[in-house]
């Protein structure tokens, strides 16, 4: 199989850390890049999640909001009511009936 050269620019400190870690794994940086490329081709996807920190922040805020809603619902849940009674209360609220 013919070989091709692949050149990548990256931060010098990151390269040193990557080279060192690859050596700890008992492989060269070139071997590690080849392992990565083979995994991408085989799986037809990047073999790990790539996410924006902003998405993580949004996800965390959404989880916190959901937890707050659950806590409020638990506090306000009409104890001892059947599902039919709860649905009747919802119907009354929607149509402005009684109180």
C-alpha atoms as a PDB file:
ATOM      1  CA  UNK A   1       0.000   0.000   0.000  1.00  0.00           C
ATOM      2  CA  UNK A   2       1.378   3.400  -0.962  1.00  0.00           C
ATOM      3  CA  UNK A   3       2.114   5.794   1.871  1.00  0.00           C
ATOM      4  CA  UNK A   4       1.122   9.487   1.983  1.00  0.00           C
ATOM      5  CA  UNK A   5       2.335  12.308   4.199  1.00  0.00           C
ATOM      6  CA  UNK A   6      -0.165  14.058   6.440  1.00  0.00           C
ATOM      7  CA  UNK A   7       0.820  17.411   7.948  1.00  0.00           C
ATOM      8  CA  UNK A   8      -1.089  18.977  10.845  1.00  0.00           C
ATOM      9  CA  UNK A   9      -0.558  22.286  12.608  1.00  0.00           C
ATOM     10  CA  UNK A  10      -1.217  22.387  16.348  1.00  0.00           C
ATOM     11  CA  UNK A  11      -0.115  24.150  19.486  1.00  0.00           C
ATOM     12  CA  UNK A  12       3.448  23.165  20.382  1.00  0.00           C
ATOM     13  CA  UNK A  13       2.539  22.344  23.989  1.00  0.00           C
ATOM     14  CA  UNK A  14      -0.354  20.153  22.883  1.00  0.00           C
ATOM     15  CA  UNK A  15       1.935  18.309  20.458  1.00  0.00           C
ATOM     16  CA  UNK A  16       4.483  17.645  23.215  1.00  0.00           C
ATOM     17  CA  UNK A  17       1.750  16.321  25.518  1.00  0.00           C
ATOM     18  CA  UNK A  18       0.298  14.171  22.728  1.00  0.00           C
ATOM     19  CA  UNK A  19       3.721  12.789  21.758  1.00  0.00           C
ATOM     20  CA  UNK A  20       4.417  11.936  25.403  1.00  0.00           C
ATOM     21  CA  UNK A  21       1.067  10.224  25.896  1.00  0.00           C
ATOM     22  CA  UNK A  22       1.483   8.231  22.680  1.00  0.00           C
ATOM     23  CA  UNK A  23       4.902   7.086  23.920  1.00  0.00           C
ATOM     24  CA  UNK A  24       3.256   5.993  27.191  1.00  0.00           C
ATOM     25  CA  UNK A  25       0.882   3.904  25.065  1.00  0.00           C
ATOM     26  CA  UNK A  26       3.873   2.361  23.302  1.00  0.00           C
ATOM     27  CA  UNK A  27       3.187   3.937  19.927  1.00  0.00           C
ATOM     28  CA  UNK A  28       4.356   6.818  17.827  1.00  0.00           C
ATOM     29  CA  UNK A  29       2.250   9.874  17.175  1.00  0.00           C
ATOM     30  CA  UNK A  30       1.946   8.744  13.560  1.00  0.00           C
ATOM     31  CA  UNK A  31       0.569   5.368  14.706  1.00  0.00           C
ATOM     32  CA  UNK A  32      -1.959   7.093  16.979  1.00  0.00           C
ATOM     33  CA  UNK A  33      -3.169   9.298  14.117  1.00  0.00           C
ATOM     34  CA  UNK A  34      -3.502   6.184  11.919  1.00  0.00           C
ATOM     35  CA  UNK A  35      -5.514   4.410  14.655  1.00  0.00           C
ATOM     36  CA  UNK A  36      -7.800   7.454  14.837  1.00  0.00           C
ATOM     37  CA  UNK A  37      -8.207   7.615  11.018  1.00  0.00           C
ATOM     38  CA  UNK A  38      -9.011   3.899  10.820  1.00  0.00           C
ATOM     39  CA  UNK A  39     -11.642   4.239  13.579  1.00  0.00           C
ATOM     40  CA  UNK A  40     -13.272   7.181  11.775  1.00  0.00           C
ATOM     41  CA  UNK A  41     -13.404   5.285   8.478  1.00  0.00           C
ATOM     42  CA  UNK A  42     -14.601   2.031  10.107  1.00  0.00           C
ATOM     43  CA  UNK A  43     -17.321   3.678  12.239  1.00  0.00           C
ATOM     44  CA  UNK A  44     -18.111   6.403   9.704  1.00  0.00           C
ATOM     45  CA  UNK A  45     -18.140   8.953  12.536  1.00  0.00           C
ATOM     46  CA  UNK A  46     -15.790  10.666  14.945  1.00  0.00           C
ATOM     47  CA  UNK A  47     -15.334   7.994  17.651  1.00  0.00           C
ATOM     48  CA  UNK A  48     -16.029  10.400  20.508  1.00  0.00           C
ATOM     49  CA  UNK A  49     -18.465  13.204  21.239  1.00  0.00           C
ATOM     50  CA  UNK A  50     -17.540  16.705  20.161  1.00  0.00           C
ATOM     51  CA  UNK A  51     -19.582  19.322  21.994  1.00  0.00           C
ATOM     52  CA  UNK A  52     -19.446  23.033  22.522  1.00  0.00           C
ATOM     53  CA  UNK A  53     -18.967  24.174  26.128  1.00  0.00           C
ATOM     54  CA  UNK A  54     -21.920  26.481  25.461  1.00  0.00           C
ATOM     55  CA  UNK A  55     -24.086  23.413  24.781  1.00  0.00           C
ATOM     56  CA  UNK A  56     -22.959  21.927  28.086  1.00  0.00           C
ATOM     57  CA  UNK A  57     -23.953  25.166  29.839  1.00  0.00           C
ATOM     58  CA  UNK A  58     -27.368  25.154  28.164  1.00  0.00           C
ATOM     59  CA  UNK A  59     -27.830  21.485  29.051  1.00  0.00           C
ATOM     60  CA  UNK A  60     -26.905  22.118  32.696  1.00  0.00           C
ATOM     61  CA  UNK A  61     -29.295  25.078  32.941  1.00  0.00           C
ATOM     62  CA  UNK A  62     -32.068  23.003  31.349  1.00  0.00           C
ATOM     63  CA  UNK A  63     -31.477  20.184  33.841  1.00  0.00           C
ATOM     64  CA  UNK A  64     -31.555  22.677  36.733  1.00  0.00           C
ATOM     65  CA  UNK A  65     -34.808  24.183  35.416  1.00  0.00           C
ATOM     66  CA  UNK A  66     -36.362  20.745  35.067  1.00  0.00           C
ATOM     67  CA  UNK A  67     -35.304  19.831  38.605  1.00  0.00           C
ATOM     68  CA  UNK A  68     -36.888  23.052  39.903  1.00  0.00           C
ATOM     69  CA  UNK A  69     -40.116  22.312  38.019  1.00  0.00           C
ATOM     70  CA  UNK A  70     -40.193  18.785  39.418  1.00  0.00           C
ATOM     71  CA  UNK A  71     -39.678  20.072  42.949  1.00  0.00           C
ATOM     72  CA  UNK A  72     -42.457  22.638  42.510  1.00  0.00           C
ATOM     73  CA  UNK A  73     -44.793  20.023  41.018  1.00  0.00           C
ATOM     74  CA  UNK A  74     -44.082  17.650  43.892  1.00  0.00           C
ATOM     75  CA  UNK A  75     -44.843  20.429  46.374  1.00  0.00           C
ATOM     76  CA  UNK A  76     -48.034  21.522  44.582  1.00  0.00           C
ATOM     77  CA  UNK A  77     -49.260  18.087  43.490  1.00  0.00           C
ATOM     78  CA  UNK A  78     -52.835  17.592  44.635  1.00  0.00           C
ATOM     79  CA  UNK A  79     -52.458  14.669  46.992  1.00  0.00           C
ATOM     80  CA  UNK A  80     -55.213  12.062  46.948  1.00  0.00           C
ATOM     81  CA  UNK A  81     -56.747  13.142  43.630  1.00  0.00           C
ATOM     82  CA  UNK A  82     -57.404  10.624  40.888  1.00  0.00           C
ATOM     83  CA  UNK A  83     -56.261  11.236  37.333  1.00  0.00           C
ATOM     84  CA  UNK A  84     -59.880  11.926  36.336  1.00  0.00           C
ATOM     85  CA  UNK A  85     -60.168  14.560  39.090  1.00  0.00           C
ATOM     86  CA  UNK A  86     -56.917  16.194  38.007  1.00  0.00           C
ATOM     87  CA  UNK A  87     -58.065  16.252  34.368  1.00  0.00           C
ATOM     88  CA  UNK A  88     -61.360  17.823  35.451  1.00  0.00           C
ATOM     89  CA  UNK A  89     -59.438  20.571  37.276  1.00  0.00           C
ATOM     90  CA  UNK A  90     -57.392  21.176  34.143  1.00  0.00           C
ATOM     91  CA  UNK A  91     -60.553  21.355  32.026  1.00  0.00           C
ATOM     92  CA  UNK A  92     -62.100  23.882  34.427  1.00  0.00           C
ATOM     93  CA  UNK A  93     -58.947  26.006  34.361  1.00  0.00           C
ATOM     94  CA  UNK A  94     -58.835  25.983  30.561  1.00  0.00           C
ATOM     95  CA  UNK A  95     -62.427  27.053  30.169  1.00  0.00           C
ATOM     96  CA  UNK A  96     -62.555  29.439  33.142  1.00  0.00           C
ATOM     97  CA  UNK A  97     -65.081  27.407  35.076  1.00  0.00           C
ATOM     98  CA  UNK A  98     -65.616  27.542  38.837  1.00  0.00           C
ATOM     99  CA  UNK A  99     -63.121  27.790  41.554  1.00  0.00           C
END
